[in-house]
Amino acid sequence: MSQEVNQQVIAAEKTVPASNDTIMDVFVRGARKGWKVAIDNIIPNVLMAYVCIKILNVTGVLAWFGTAFAPIMAIWGLPGQAIMVILGALMSMGGAVGVAMSLFNDGTLNGTHISILMPAIYLLGSKIQYLGRLLGTAGVPGKHYPVLLGISFVNAAIAMFVMKIIAP
């Protein structure tokens, strides 16, 4: 075998569990991969969002957003500052969770507010990244992006209405 083919076989053997692997081996390997995802992807997003909200709070910008968006967010029974969770979700789901956590710790949001916001986090999650990474790669014309993003906002608004009705 050539050197390149040999390296590909070795790499494939590392990713495919051997037939003699115990359930414990598979579990530990999966736990290590999960730990790496958490350390490399999730925790930095949540921490960055938490710090950004703290900065916005200290500078007074968060209070301004709260006042400016209070009438819109009141439609769902949310304080105006909850708009930051929506904006955070557009960038990153982990970031939106960090924003929600920070606002919860400050007493701005309560459990009911977070229940109402949760489907919006998932329905709007990481849209900015997806627009470029997925739609751009697939060759979808840019003129369709606003419609596709608008559909996500409509879905999120409907989901928040449903959660407002069923949340305690």
C-alpha atoms as a PDB file:
ATOM      1  CA  MET A   1       0.000   0.000   0.000  1.00  0.00           C
ATOM      2  CA  SER A   2       1.115   3.538  -0.621  1.00  0.00           C
ATOM      3  CA  GLN A   3       1.904   5.831   2.295  1.00  0.00           C
ATOM      4  CA  GLU A   4      -1.252   7.964   1.704  1.00  0.00           C
ATOM      5  CA  VAL A   5      -3.617   4.984   1.553  1.00  0.00           C
ATOM      6  CA  ASN A   6      -2.006   3.546   4.685  1.00  0.00           C
ATOM      7  CA  GLN A   7      -2.611   6.832   6.566  1.00  0.00           C
ATOM      8  CA  GLN A   8      -6.267   6.865   5.445  1.00  0.00           C
ATOM      9  CA  VAL A   9      -6.739   3.311   6.728  1.00  0.00           C
ATOM     10  CA  ILE A  10      -5.181   4.232  10.075  1.00  0.00           C
ATOM     11  CA  ALA A  11      -7.419   7.321  10.345  1.00  0.00           C
ATOM     12  CA  ALA A  12     -10.513   5.235   9.527  1.00  0.00           C
ATOM     13  CA  GLU A  13      -9.574   2.660  12.161  1.00  0.00           C
ATOM     14  CA  LYS A  14      -9.431   5.415  14.803  1.00  0.00           C
ATOM     15  CA  THR A  15     -12.968   6.623  14.047  1.00  0.00           C
ATOM     16  CA  VAL A  16     -14.664   3.242  13.637  1.00  0.00           C
ATOM     17  CA  PRO A  17     -15.013   1.339  16.899  1.00  0.00           C
ATOM     18  CA  ALA A  18     -13.202  -1.962  16.909  1.00  0.00           C
ATOM     19  CA  SER A  19     -15.375  -5.043  17.285  1.00  0.00           C
ATOM     20  CA  ASN A  20     -13.655  -5.847  20.577  1.00  0.00           C
ATOM     21  CA  ASP A  21     -14.395  -2.399  22.111  1.00  0.00           C
ATOM     22  CA  THR A  22     -16.415  -2.609  25.278  1.00  0.00           C
ATOM     23  CA  ILE A  23     -19.370  -0.358  25.939  1.00  0.00           C
ATOM     24  CA  MET A  24     -17.147   1.480  28.402  1.00  0.00           C
ATOM     25  CA  ASP A  25     -14.555   2.184  25.671  1.00  0.00           C
ATOM     26  CA  VAL A  26     -17.230   3.587  23.366  1.00  0.00           C
ATOM     27  CA  PHE A  27     -18.705   5.667  26.194  1.00  0.00           C
ATOM     28  CA  VAL A  28     -15.342   7.144  27.188  1.00  0.00           C
ATOM     29  CA  ARG A  29     -14.487   7.951  23.566  1.00  0.00           C
ATOM     30  CA  GLY A  30     -17.864   9.710  23.149  1.00  0.00           C
ATOM     31  CA  ALA A  31     -17.427  11.587  26.422  1.00  0.00           C
ATOM     32  CA  ARG A  32     -14.029  12.852  25.255  1.00  0.00           C
ATOM     33  CA  LYS A  33     -15.528  14.076  21.980  1.00  0.00           C
ATOM     34  CA  GLY A  34     -18.390  15.741  23.865  1.00  0.00           C
ATOM     35  CA  TRP A  35     -15.952  17.436  26.224  1.00  0.00           C
ATOM     36  CA  LYS A  36     -14.009  18.777  23.253  1.00  0.00           C
ATOM     37  CA  VAL A  37     -17.185  20.190  21.668  1.00  0.00           C
ATOM     38  CA  ALA A  38     -18.155  21.860  24.945  1.00  0.00           C
ATOM     39  CA  ILE A  39     -14.710  23.365  25.515  1.00  0.00           C
ATOM     40  CA  ASP A  40     -14.098  24.443  21.913  1.00  0.00           C
ATOM     41  CA  ASN A  41     -17.593  25.592  20.869  1.00  0.00           C
ATOM     42  CA  ILE A  42     -20.259  25.954  23.527  1.00  0.00           C
ATOM     43  CA  ILE A  43     -18.480  27.498  26.516  1.00  0.00           C
ATOM     44  CA  PRO A  44     -16.746  30.308  24.558  1.00  0.00           C
ATOM     45  CA  ASN A  45     -20.071  31.398  23.010  1.00  0.00           C
ATOM     46  CA  VAL A  46     -21.915  31.388  26.323  1.00  0.00           C
ATOM     47  CA  LEU A  47     -19.083  33.187  28.119  1.00  0.00           C
ATOM     48  CA  MET A  48     -18.770  35.820  25.385  1.00  0.00           C
ATOM     49  CA  ALA A  49     -22.517  36.522  25.482  1.00  0.00           C
ATOM     50  CA  TYR A  50     -22.510  36.720  29.269  1.00  0.00           C
ATOM     51  CA  VAL A  51     -19.644  39.239  29.250  1.00  0.00           C
ATOM     52  CA  CYS A  52     -21.241  41.320  26.469  1.00  0.00           C
ATOM     53  CA  ILE A  53     -24.516  41.598  28.392  1.00  0.00           C
ATOM     54  CA  LYS A  54     -22.622  42.641  31.510  1.00  0.00           C
ATOM     55  CA  ILE A  55     -20.840  45.357  29.514  1.00  0.00           C
ATOM     56  CA  LEU A  56     -24.132  46.552  27.995  1.00  0.00           C
ATOM     57  CA  ASN A  57     -25.690  46.603  31.466  1.00  0.00           C
ATOM     58  CA  VAL A  58     -22.843  48.588  33.051  1.00  0.00           C
ATOM     59  CA  THR A  59     -22.768  51.128  30.208  1.00  0.00           C
ATOM     60  CA  GLY A  60     -26.541  51.661  30.265  1.00  0.00           C
ATOM     61  CA  VAL A  61     -27.044  50.433  26.711  1.00  0.00           C
ATOM     62  CA  LEU A  62     -29.069  47.446  27.934  1.00  0.00           C
ATOM     63  CA  ALA A  63     -31.494  49.775  29.743  1.00  0.00           C
ATOM     64  CA  TRP A  64     -31.857  51.806  26.549  1.00  0.00           C
ATOM     65  CA  PHE A  65     -32.633  48.642  24.542  1.00  0.00           C
ATOM     66  CA  GLY A  66     -35.122  47.666  27.231  1.00  0.00           C
ATOM     67  CA  THR A  67     -36.953  50.969  26.919  1.00  0.00           C
ATOM     68  CA  ALA A  68     -36.810  51.060  23.117  1.00  0.00           C
ATOM     69  CA  PHE A  69     -38.074  47.509  22.611  1.00  0.00           C
ATOM     70  CA  ALA A  70     -40.464  47.288  25.567  1.00  0.00           C
ATOM     71  CA  PRO A  71     -43.613  47.852  23.430  1.00  0.00           C
ATOM     72  CA  ILE A  72     -42.627  45.161  20.929  1.00  0.00           C
ATOM     73  CA  MET A  73     -41.548  42.557  23.476  1.00  0.00           C
ATOM     74  CA  ALA A  74     -44.642  43.249  25.612  1.00  0.00           C
ATOM     75  CA  ILE A  75     -46.670  41.516  22.887  1.00  0.00           C
ATOM     76  CA  TRP A  76     -45.252  38.249  24.270  1.00  0.00           C
ATOM     77  CA  GLY A  77     -45.249  39.380  27.896  1.00  0.00           C
ATOM     78  CA  LEU A  78     -41.495  39.944  27.910  1.00  0.00           C
ATOM     79  CA  PRO A  79     -39.384  42.854  29.123  1.00  0.00           C
ATOM     80  CA  GLY A  80     -37.729  44.963  26.430  1.00  0.00           C
ATOM     81  CA  GLN A  81     -34.269  43.629  27.267  1.00  0.00           C
ATOM     82  CA  ALA A  82     -35.387  40.206  25.997  1.00  0.00           C
ATOM     83  CA  ILE A  83     -34.710  41.512  22.479  1.00  0.00           C
ATOM     84  CA  MET A  84     -31.039  40.868  23.254  1.00  0.00           C
ATOM     85  CA  VAL A  85     -31.769  37.138  23.491  1.00  0.00           C
ATOM     86  CA  ILE A  86     -33.363  37.277  20.020  1.00  0.00           C
ATOM     87  CA  LEU A  87     -30.404  39.203  18.596  1.00  0.00           C
ATOM     88  CA  GLY A  88     -27.985  36.821  20.290  1.00  0.00           C
ATOM     89  CA  ALA A  89     -29.823  33.850  18.797  1.00  0.00           C
ATOM     90  CA  LEU A  90     -29.259  35.194  15.291  1.00  0.00           C
ATOM     91  CA  MET A  91     -25.523  34.961  15.895  1.00  0.00           C
ATOM     92  CA  SER A  92     -25.307  31.797  17.980  1.00  0.00           C
ATOM     93  CA  MET A  93     -27.649  29.546  19.960  1.00  0.00           C
ATOM     94  CA  GLY A  94     -25.028  29.193  22.667  1.00  0.00           C
ATOM     95  CA  GLY A  95     -24.654  32.960  22.744  1.00  0.00           C
ATOM     96  CA  ALA A  96     -28.411  33.399  23.133  1.00  0.00           C
ATOM     97  CA  VAL A  97     -28.405  30.979  26.057  1.00  0.00           C
ATOM     98  CA  GLY A  98     -25.585  33.029  27.608  1.00  0.00           C
ATOM     99  CA  VAL A  99     -27.599  36.227  27.136  1.00  0.00           C
ATOM    100  CA  ALA A 100     -30.687  34.611  28.681  1.00  0.00           C
ATOM    101  CA  MET A 101     -28.613  33.304  31.588  1.00  0.00           C
ATOM    102  CA  SER A 102     -27.100  36.717  32.220  1.00  0.00           C
ATOM    103  CA  LEU A 103     -30.491  38.443  32.132  1.00  0.00           C
ATOM    104  CA  PHE A 104     -31.907  35.751  34.427  1.00  0.00           C
ATOM    105  CA  ASN A 105     -29.068  36.248  36.920  1.00  0.00           C
ATOM    106  CA  ASP A 106     -29.716  40.008  36.904  1.00  0.00           C
ATOM    107  CA  GLY A 107     -33.412  39.405  37.612  1.00  0.00           C
ATOM    108  CA  THR A 108     -34.502  40.869  34.266  1.00  0.00           C
ATOM    109  CA  LEU A 109     -35.891  37.547  33.041  1.00  0.00           C
ATOM    110  CA  ASN A 110     -37.679  34.864  35.024  1.00  0.00           C
ATOM    111  CA  GLY A 111     -38.402  31.220  34.236  1.00  0.00           C
ATOM    112  CA  THR A 112     -41.610  32.041  32.363  1.00  0.00           C
ATOM    113  CA  HIS A 113     -39.797  34.576  30.175  1.00  0.00           C
ATOM    114  CA  ILE A 114     -37.127  32.031  29.340  1.00  0.00           C
ATOM    115  CA  SER A 115     -39.808  29.436  28.520  1.00  0.00           C
ATOM    116  CA  ILE A 116     -41.356  31.891  26.072  1.00  0.00           C
ATOM    117  CA  LEU A 117     -37.974  32.720  24.501  1.00  0.00           C
ATOM    118  CA  MET A 118     -36.663  29.150  24.234  1.00  0.00           C
ATOM    119  CA  PRO A 119     -38.372  28.186  20.938  1.00  0.00           C
ATOM    120  CA  ALA A 120     -37.239  31.466  19.386  1.00  0.00           C
ATOM    121  CA  ILE A 121     -33.647  30.641  20.319  1.00  0.00           C
ATOM    122  CA  TYR A 122     -33.894  27.382  18.400  1.00  0.00           C
ATOM    123  CA  LEU A 123     -35.888  28.737  15.466  1.00  0.00           C
ATOM    124  CA  LEU A 124     -33.599  31.748  14.988  1.00  0.00           C
ATOM    125  CA  GLY A 125     -30.429  30.052  16.169  1.00  0.00           C
ATOM    126  CA  SER A 126     -27.295  30.918  14.217  1.00  0.00           C
ATOM    127  CA  LYS A 127     -29.199  32.221  11.176  1.00  0.00           C
ATOM    128  CA  ILE A 128     -26.467  34.689  10.244  1.00  0.00           C
ATOM    129  CA  GLN A 129     -23.936  31.858  10.082  1.00  0.00           C
ATOM    130  CA  TYR A 130     -26.313  29.622   8.139  1.00  0.00           C
ATOM    131  CA  LEU A 131     -27.129  32.287   5.569  1.00  0.00           C
ATOM    132  CA  GLY A 132     -23.510  32.496   4.521  1.00  0.00           C
ATOM    133  CA  ARG A 133     -22.381  28.957   5.154  1.00  0.00           C
ATOM    134  CA  LEU A 134     -25.329  26.999   3.778  1.00  0.00           C
ATOM    135  CA  LEU A 135     -27.286  29.206   1.421  1.00  0.00           C
ATOM    136  CA  GLY A 136     -24.188  30.845  -0.004  1.00  0.00           C
ATOM    137  CA  THR A 137     -22.552  27.484  -0.614  1.00  0.00           C
ATOM    138  CA  ALA A 138     -25.733  26.123  -2.200  1.00  0.00           C
ATOM    139  CA  GLY A 139     -25.841  29.077  -4.583  1.00  0.00           C
ATOM    140  CA  VAL A 140     -29.160  30.486  -3.351  1.00  0.00           C
ATOM    141  CA  PRO A 141     -29.487  34.050  -4.699  1.00  0.00           C
ATOM    142  CA  GLY A 142     -29.080  36.750  -2.059  1.00  0.00           C
ATOM    143  CA  LYS A 143     -32.451  38.274  -2.942  1.00  0.00           C
ATOM    144  CA  HIS A 144     -34.108  35.265  -1.238  1.00  0.00           C
ATOM    145  CA  TYR A 145     -32.278  35.714   2.078  1.00  0.00           C
ATOM    146  CA  PRO A 146     -34.689  38.318   3.533  1.00  0.00           C
ATOM    147  CA  VAL A 147     -37.692  36.089   2.792  1.00  0.00           C
ATOM    148  CA  LEU A 148     -36.031  33.047   4.342  1.00  0.00           C
ATOM    149  CA  LEU A 149     -34.987  35.050   7.399  1.00  0.00           C
ATOM    150  CA  GLY A 150     -38.482  36.546   7.608  1.00  0.00           C
ATOM    151  CA  ILE A 151     -40.043  33.083   7.667  1.00  0.00           C
ATOM    152  CA  SER A 152     -37.810  32.223  10.625  1.00  0.00           C
ATOM    153  CA  PHE A 153     -38.966  35.354  12.474  1.00  0.00           C
ATOM    154  CA  VAL A 154     -42.623  34.550  11.792  1.00  0.00           C
ATOM    155  CA  ASN A 155     -42.112  30.999  13.064  1.00  0.00           C
ATOM    156  CA  ALA A 156     -40.365  32.307  16.176  1.00  0.00           C
ATOM    157  CA  ALA A 157     -43.140  34.854  16.837  1.00  0.00           C
ATOM    158  CA  ILE A 158     -45.823  32.168  16.543  1.00  0.00           C
ATOM    159  CA  ALA A 159     -43.879  29.803  18.799  1.00  0.00           C
ATOM    160  CA  MET A 160     -43.492  32.542  21.415  1.00  0.00           C
ATOM    161  CA  PHE A 161     -47.262  33.184  21.308  1.00  0.00           C
ATOM    162  CA  VAL A 162     -47.899  29.478  21.867  1.00  0.00           C
ATOM    163  CA  MET A 163     -45.424  29.439  24.759  1.00  0.00           C
ATOM    164  CA  LYS A 164     -47.024  32.553  26.248  1.00  0.00           C
ATOM    165  CA  ILE A 165     -50.331  30.671  26.319  1.00  0.00           C
ATOM    166  CA  ILE A 166     -49.006  27.429  27.790  1.00  0.00           C
ATOM    167  CA  ALA A 167     -46.169  28.723  30.013  1.00  0.00           C
ATOM    168  CA  PRO A 168     -47.034  28.934  33.717  1.00  0.00           C
END
